[in-house]
Amino acid sequence: MRLGYKTLSSAIAFFTQALIYTPAFKGRCNRVGKQFLLYTGTPFVSGPLNIEIGHNCRISGQTTFSASSHYPEPMLFIGNNVGIGWQVTIAVSSRVIIEDNVRIAGGCNLFGYSGHPIDATERARGMPDTLNQTGEIHLKKDAWLGSNVIVKSGVTIGKGAIVAAGSVVTKDIPDYVIAAGNPAKVIKDISGEQKEAQDA
């Protein structure tokens, strides 16, 4: 009896995902590539956000994508073969660009805008953040963000760079390094290891 119930529950979850959640999210996007996998629900999308997703991407349904009110056409661009884990938040000001083969682990936050002004009086009045609190975020090809990484506005994560779990990235990270800490700093150069892997 218990096995039958689990089988039925799994079947219902599968068909709900395939027939409701995935089509609903695709309908909200401007473009979605082939072999797209959305699992465990559907992302919460707020604001006038344009979303383009490449081929062979895997995104958790327990994610949030939001857009700033400062820009007329905010864009979230996700390249090919990108993985985005559960409870990830991506807040887009003008643009967030995620290139091919990027991995974003669970609990990460990409903050292209702050959401509230620095001035306490304006904040108490419910005013939005100011334009100078916003900025683009760019994750270059093959970058990997560990769990619970925070990326602030105006930051570029270099090609093949790895950001350790729990780090807070406030400045650009170069290509092929490991960065860690709050604020994140380069702790290791892995460019040589990358060349060895490519030559193998």
C-alpha atoms as a PDB file:
ATOM      1  CA  MET A   1       0.000   0.000   0.000  1.00  0.00           C
ATOM      2  CA  ARG A   2       2.765   2.422   1.001  1.00  0.00           C
ATOM      3  CA  LEU A   3       4.779   1.578  -2.137  1.00  0.00           C
ATOM      4  CA  GLY A   4       1.715   2.220  -4.282  1.00  0.00           C
ATOM      5  CA  TYR A   5       1.164   5.605  -2.638  1.00  0.00           C
ATOM      6  CA  LYS A   6       4.772   6.621  -3.248  1.00  0.00           C
ATOM      7  CA  THR A   7       4.525   5.531  -6.871  1.00  0.00           C
ATOM      8  CA  LEU A   8       1.329   7.539  -7.345  1.00  0.00           C
ATOM      9  CA  SER A   9       2.839  10.604  -5.659  1.00  0.00           C
ATOM     10  CA  SER A  10       5.921  10.383  -7.859  1.00  0.00           C
ATOM     11  CA  ALA A  11       3.786  10.063 -10.976  1.00  0.00           C
ATOM     12  CA  ILE A  12       1.680  13.088 -10.012  1.00  0.00           C
ATOM     13  CA  ALA A  13       4.801  15.155  -9.301  1.00  0.00           C
ATOM     14  CA  PHE A  14       6.336  14.145 -12.639  1.00  0.00           C
ATOM     15  CA  PHE A  15       3.279  15.044 -14.694  1.00  0.00           C
ATOM     16  CA  THR A  16       2.690  18.285 -12.763  1.00  0.00           C
ATOM     17  CA  GLN A  17       6.261  19.330 -13.489  1.00  0.00           C
ATOM     18  CA  ALA A  18       6.091  18.314 -17.148  1.00  0.00           C
ATOM     19  CA  LEU A  19       2.597  19.608 -17.957  1.00  0.00           C
ATOM     20  CA  ILE A  20       2.225  22.676 -15.712  1.00  0.00           C
ATOM     21  CA  TYR A  21       5.402  24.087 -14.140  1.00  0.00           C
ATOM     22  CA  THR A  22       7.806  23.730 -17.068  1.00  0.00           C
ATOM     23  CA  PRO A  23       5.435  25.070 -19.770  1.00  0.00           C
ATOM     24  CA  ALA A  24       4.429  27.965 -17.490  1.00  0.00           C
ATOM     25  CA  PHE A  25       8.040  29.015 -16.972  1.00  0.00           C
ATOM     26  CA  LYS A  26       8.921  28.609 -20.653  1.00  0.00           C
ATOM     27  CA  GLY A  27       5.969  30.834 -21.487  1.00  0.00           C
ATOM     28  CA  ARG A  28       7.412  33.541 -19.248  1.00  0.00           C
ATOM     29  CA  CYS A  29      10.794  33.439 -21.028  1.00  0.00           C
ATOM     30  CA  ASN A  30      11.747  35.105 -24.298  1.00  0.00           C
ATOM     31  CA  ARG A  31      13.689  32.048 -25.435  1.00  0.00           C
ATOM     32  CA  VAL A  32      14.475  28.599 -24.036  1.00  0.00           C
ATOM     33  CA  GLY A  33      16.854  26.208 -25.781  1.00  0.00           C
ATOM     34  CA  LYS A  34      16.671  22.462 -26.314  1.00  0.00           C
ATOM     35  CA  GLN A  35      17.068  19.832 -23.575  1.00  0.00           C
ATOM     36  CA  PHE A  36      15.937  22.202 -20.845  1.00  0.00           C
ATOM     37  CA  LEU A  37      15.372  20.637 -17.419  1.00  0.00           C
ATOM     38  CA  LEU A  38      13.348  22.439 -14.761  1.00  0.00           C
ATOM     39  CA  TYR A  39      12.906  20.481 -11.541  1.00  0.00           C
ATOM     40  CA  THR A  40      11.013  20.857  -8.241  1.00  0.00           C
ATOM     41  CA  GLY A  41       8.493  23.530  -9.143  1.00  0.00           C
ATOM     42  CA  THR A  42       8.846  26.743 -11.127  1.00  0.00           C
ATOM     43  CA  PRO A  43      10.935  29.870 -10.462  1.00  0.00           C
ATOM     44  CA  PHE A  44       9.320  32.996  -9.024  1.00  0.00           C
ATOM     45  CA  VAL A  45       9.786  35.797 -11.558  1.00  0.00           C
ATOM     46  CA  SER A  46       9.033  39.414 -10.665  1.00  0.00           C
ATOM     47  CA  GLY A  47       9.251  42.619 -12.664  1.00  0.00           C
ATOM     48  CA  PRO A  48       9.573  43.244 -16.422  1.00  0.00           C
ATOM     49  CA  LEU A  49      12.414  40.756 -16.819  1.00  0.00           C
ATOM     50  CA  ASN A  50      13.515  39.449 -20.215  1.00  0.00           C
ATOM     51  CA  ILE A  51      14.906  35.915 -19.905  1.00  0.00           C
ATOM     52  CA  GLU A  52      16.890  34.007 -22.526  1.00  0.00           C
ATOM     53  CA  ILE A  53      18.138  30.485 -21.804  1.00  0.00           C
ATOM     54  CA  GLY A  54      20.454  28.415 -23.980  1.00  0.00           C
ATOM     55  CA  HIS A  55      20.569  24.674 -24.660  1.00  0.00           C
ATOM     56  CA  ASN A  56      21.064  21.861 -22.137  1.00  0.00           C
ATOM     57  CA  CYS A  57      20.394  23.932 -19.015  1.00  0.00           C
ATOM     58  CA  ARG A  58      19.249  22.657 -15.625  1.00  0.00           C
ATOM     59  CA  ILE A  59      17.464  25.032 -13.257  1.00  0.00           C
ATOM     60  CA  SER A  60      15.833  24.381  -9.899  1.00  0.00           C
ATOM     61  CA  GLY A  61      12.229  25.508  -9.624  1.00  0.00           C
ATOM     62  CA  GLN A  62      12.994  26.835  -6.144  1.00  0.00           C
ATOM     63  CA  THR A  63      14.679  29.978  -7.461  1.00  0.00           C
ATOM     64  CA  THR A  64      13.853  33.683  -7.730  1.00  0.00           C
ATOM     65  CA  PHE A  65      14.530  35.940 -10.716  1.00  0.00           C
ATOM     66  CA  SER A  66      13.676  39.619 -10.248  1.00  0.00           C
ATOM     67  CA  ALA A  67      14.113  42.860 -12.190  1.00  0.00           C
ATOM     68  CA  SER A  68      14.923  46.414 -11.131  1.00  0.00           C
ATOM     69  CA  SER A  69      12.496  49.223 -11.950  1.00  0.00           C
ATOM     70  CA  HIS A  70      15.357  51.533 -13.011  1.00  0.00           C
ATOM     71  CA  TYR A  71      15.818  50.050 -16.480  1.00  0.00           C
ATOM     72  CA  PRO A  72      13.206  49.637 -19.243  1.00  0.00           C
ATOM     73  CA  GLU A  73      14.305  46.187 -20.469  1.00  0.00           C
ATOM     74  CA  PRO A  74      16.335  44.285 -17.851  1.00  0.00           C
ATOM     75  CA  MET A  75      17.853  41.111 -19.289  1.00  0.00           C
ATOM     76  CA  LEU A  76      18.851  37.780 -17.746  1.00  0.00           C
ATOM     77  CA  PHE A  77      20.927  35.873 -20.289  1.00  0.00           C
ATOM     78  CA  ILE A  78      21.814  32.253 -19.514  1.00  0.00           C
ATOM     79  CA  GLY A  79      24.133  30.453 -21.938  1.00  0.00           C
ATOM     80  CA  ASN A  80      24.413  26.768 -22.838  1.00  0.00           C
ATOM     81  CA  ASN A  81      24.992  23.915 -20.373  1.00  0.00           C
ATOM     82  CA  VAL A  82      24.370  26.045 -17.278  1.00  0.00           C
ATOM     83  CA  GLY A  83      23.317  24.595 -13.917  1.00  0.00           C
ATOM     84  CA  ILE A  84      21.475  26.713 -11.328  1.00  0.00           C
ATOM     85  CA  GLY A  85      20.777  25.089  -7.960  1.00  0.00           C
ATOM     86  CA  TRP A  86      17.953  25.459  -5.472  1.00  0.00           C
ATOM     87  CA  GLN A  87      17.155  28.669  -3.577  1.00  0.00           C
ATOM     88  CA  VAL A  88      19.258  30.832  -5.886  1.00  0.00           C
ATOM     89  CA  THR A  89      18.226  34.488  -6.244  1.00  0.00           C
ATOM     90  CA  ILE A  90      19.222  36.535  -9.291  1.00  0.00           C
ATOM     91  CA  ALA A  91      18.293  40.219  -9.028  1.00  0.00           C
ATOM     92  CA  VAL A  92      18.808  41.938 -12.391  1.00  0.00           C
ATOM     93  CA  SER A  93      19.415  45.670 -12.801  1.00  0.00           C
ATOM     94  CA  SER A  94      20.145  46.185 -16.513  1.00  0.00           C
ATOM     95  CA  ARG A  95      21.787  42.832 -17.316  1.00  0.00           C
ATOM     96  CA  VAL A  96      23.035  39.630 -15.774  1.00  0.00           C
ATOM     97  CA  ILE A  97      25.051  37.505 -18.195  1.00  0.00           C
ATOM     98  CA  ILE A  98      25.802  33.870 -17.372  1.00  0.00           C
ATOM     99  CA  GLU A  99      28.004  32.298 -20.032  1.00  0.00           C
ATOM    100  CA  ASP A 100      28.299  28.655 -21.128  1.00  0.00           C
ATOM    101  CA  ASN A 101      29.135  25.852 -18.667  1.00  0.00           C
ATOM    102  CA  VAL A 102      28.667  27.988 -15.549  1.00  0.00           C
ATOM    103  CA  ARG A 103      27.660  26.242 -12.311  1.00  0.00           C
ATOM    104  CA  ILE A 104      25.769  28.114  -9.587  1.00  0.00           C
ATOM    105  CA  ALA A 105      25.310  26.026  -6.442  1.00  0.00           C
ATOM    106  CA  GLY A 106      22.356  26.214  -4.081  1.00  0.00           C
ATOM    107  CA  GLY A 107      21.751  29.286  -1.949  1.00  0.00           C
ATOM    108  CA  CYS A 108      23.713  31.732  -4.116  1.00  0.00           C
ATOM    109  CA  ASN A 109      22.600  35.347  -4.491  1.00  0.00           C
ATOM    110  CA  LEU A 110      23.453  37.589  -7.446  1.00  0.00           C
ATOM    111  CA  PHE A 111      22.462  41.132  -6.481  1.00  0.00           C
ATOM    112  CA  GLY A 112      22.450  43.484  -9.466  1.00  0.00           C
ATOM    113  CA  TYR A 113      20.532  45.957  -7.337  1.00  0.00           C
ATOM    114  CA  SER A 114      20.085  46.501  -3.595  1.00  0.00           C
ATOM    115  CA  GLY A 115      16.319  46.952  -3.374  1.00  0.00           C
ATOM    116  CA  HIS A 116      16.493  49.711  -0.736  1.00  0.00           C
ATOM    117  CA  PRO A 117      18.230  53.117  -0.620  1.00  0.00           C
ATOM    118  CA  ILE A 118      21.209  53.798   1.638  1.00  0.00           C
ATOM    119  CA  ASP A 119      19.515  56.849   3.139  1.00  0.00           C
ATOM    120  CA  ALA A 120      17.530  55.744   6.213  1.00  0.00           C
ATOM    121  CA  THR A 121      14.787  58.351   5.752  1.00  0.00           C
ATOM    122  CA  GLU A 122      14.195  57.325   2.150  1.00  0.00           C
ATOM    123  CA  ARG A 123      14.264  53.685   3.187  1.00  0.00           C
ATOM    124  CA  ALA A 124      11.612  54.298   5.858  1.00  0.00           C
ATOM    125  CA  ARG A 125       9.431  55.985   3.234  1.00  0.00           C
ATOM    126  CA  GLY A 126       9.561  52.839   1.117  1.00  0.00           C
ATOM    127  CA  MET A 127      11.569  54.442  -1.689  1.00  0.00           C
ATOM    128  CA  PRO A 128      13.540  52.212  -4.090  1.00  0.00           C
ATOM    129  CA  ASP A 129      17.308  52.028  -4.301  1.00  0.00           C
ATOM    130  CA  THR A 130      19.168  54.629  -6.346  1.00  0.00           C
ATOM    131  CA  LEU A 131      20.748  54.153  -9.755  1.00  0.00           C
ATOM    132  CA  ASN A 132      24.290  54.197  -8.354  1.00  0.00           C
ATOM    133  CA  GLN A 133      23.418  51.124  -6.254  1.00  0.00           C
ATOM    134  CA  THR A 134      22.858  49.039  -9.390  1.00  0.00           C
ATOM    135  CA  GLY A 135      25.191  47.338 -11.851  1.00  0.00           C
ATOM    136  CA  GLU A 136      25.595  44.475 -14.283  1.00  0.00           C
ATOM    137  CA  ILE A 137      26.857  41.051 -13.233  1.00  0.00           C
ATOM    138  CA  HIS A 138      28.823  38.852 -15.622  1.00  0.00           C
ATOM    139  CA  LEU A 139      29.777  35.220 -14.991  1.00  0.00           C
ATOM    140  CA  LYS A 140      32.195  34.145 -17.708  1.00  0.00           C
ATOM    141  CA  LYS A 141      32.462  30.717 -19.311  1.00  0.00           C
ATOM    142  CA  ASP A 142      33.182  27.757 -17.002  1.00  0.00           C
ATOM    143  CA  ALA A 143      32.919  29.772 -13.771  1.00  0.00           C
ATOM    144  CA  TRP A 144      31.694  27.925 -10.669  1.00  0.00           C
ATOM    145  CA  LEU A 145      30.057  29.476  -7.623  1.00  0.00           C
ATOM    146  CA  GLY A 146      29.992  27.285  -4.507  1.00  0.00           C
ATOM    147  CA  SER A 147      27.020  27.165  -2.147  1.00  0.00           C
ATOM    148  CA  ASN A 148      25.762  30.419  -0.594  1.00  0.00           C
ATOM    149  CA  VAL A 149      28.048  32.734  -2.549  1.00  0.00           C
ATOM    150  CA  ILE A 150      26.930  36.381  -2.764  1.00  0.00           C
ATOM    151  CA  VAL A 151      27.874  38.410  -5.853  1.00  0.00           C
ATOM    152  CA  LYS A 152      27.389  42.181  -5.660  1.00  0.00           C
ATOM    153  CA  SER A 153      26.474  44.558  -8.485  1.00  0.00           C
ATOM    154  CA  GLY A 154      29.118  45.553 -11.027  1.00  0.00           C
ATOM    155  CA  VAL A 155      31.121  42.335 -10.617  1.00  0.00           C
ATOM    156  CA  THR A 156      32.609  40.098 -13.308  1.00  0.00           C
ATOM    157  CA  ILE A 157      33.659  36.536 -12.422  1.00  0.00           C
ATOM    158  CA  GLY A 158      36.447  35.432 -14.747  1.00  0.00           C
ATOM    159  CA  LYS A 159      36.567  32.465 -17.093  1.00  0.00           C
ATOM    160  CA  GLY A 160      37.050  29.181 -15.249  1.00  0.00           C
ATOM    161  CA  ALA A 161      37.168  30.924 -11.872  1.00  0.00           C
ATOM    162  CA  ILE A 162      35.962  29.089  -8.761  1.00  0.00           C
ATOM    163  CA  VAL A 163      34.418  30.987  -5.840  1.00  0.00           C
ATOM    164  CA  ALA A 164      34.433  29.066  -2.560  1.00  0.00           C
ATOM    165  CA  ALA A 165      31.231  28.453  -0.614  1.00  0.00           C
ATOM    166  CA  GLY A 166      30.002  31.325   1.532  1.00  0.00           C
ATOM    167  CA  SER A 167      32.155  33.974  -0.136  1.00  0.00           C
ATOM    168  CA  VAL A 168      31.002  37.559  -0.753  1.00  0.00           C
ATOM    169  CA  VAL A 169      32.262  38.915  -4.081  1.00  0.00           C
ATOM    170  CA  THR A 170      32.482  42.714  -4.192  1.00  0.00           C
ATOM    171  CA  LYS A 171      35.155  43.116  -6.903  1.00  0.00           C
ATOM    172  CA  ASP A 172      36.046  41.403 -10.179  1.00  0.00           C
ATOM    173  CA  ILE A 173      37.624  37.942 -10.026  1.00  0.00           C
ATOM    174  CA  PRO A 174      40.292  37.114 -12.680  1.00  0.00           C
ATOM    175  CA  ASP A 175      40.242  34.114 -15.008  1.00  0.00           C
ATOM    176  CA  TYR A 176      41.288  30.694 -13.680  1.00  0.00           C
ATOM    177  CA  VAL A 177      41.698  31.394  -9.979  1.00  0.00           C
ATOM    178  CA  ILE A 178      40.102  30.209  -6.759  1.00  0.00           C
ATOM    179  CA  ALA A 179      38.690  33.028  -4.635  1.00  0.00           C
ATOM    180  CA  ALA A 180      37.350  32.823  -1.094  1.00  0.00           C
ATOM    181  CA  GLY A 181      36.345  34.948   1.868  1.00  0.00           C
ATOM    182  CA  ASN A 182      34.363  38.061   2.783  1.00  0.00           C
ATOM    183  CA  PRO A 183      35.254  40.027   0.791  1.00  0.00           C
ATOM    184  CA  ALA A 184      36.431  37.369  -1.670  1.00  0.00           C
ATOM    185  CA  LYS A 185      40.140  37.382  -2.480  1.00  0.00           C
ATOM    186  CA  VAL A 186      42.234  35.231  -4.788  1.00  0.00           C
ATOM    187  CA  ILE A 187      43.815  32.362  -2.855  1.00  0.00           C
ATOM    188  CA  LYS A 188      45.124  30.208  -5.704  1.00  0.00           C
ATOM    189  CA  ASP A 189      45.997  30.441  -9.393  1.00  0.00           C
ATOM    190  CA  ILE A 190      44.714  27.400 -11.291  1.00  0.00           C
ATOM    191  CA  SER A 191      45.593  28.501 -14.828  1.00  0.00           C
ATOM    192  CA  GLY A 192      48.343  25.870 -15.052  1.00  0.00           C
ATOM    193  CA  GLU A 193      45.978  23.119 -13.989  1.00  0.00           C
ATOM    194  CA  GLN A 194      43.485  24.219 -16.638  1.00  0.00           C
ATOM    195  CA  LYS A 195      46.088  24.009 -19.387  1.00  0.00           C
ATOM    196  CA  GLU A 196      47.101  20.527 -18.224  1.00  0.00           C
ATOM    197  CA  ALA A 197      43.478  19.401 -18.308  1.00  0.00           C
ATOM    198  CA  GLN A 198      42.976  20.815 -21.819  1.00  0.00           C
ATOM    199  CA  ASP A 199      46.145  19.151 -23.117  1.00  0.00           C
ATOM    200  CA  ALA A 200      45.221  15.744 -21.642  1.00  0.00           C
END
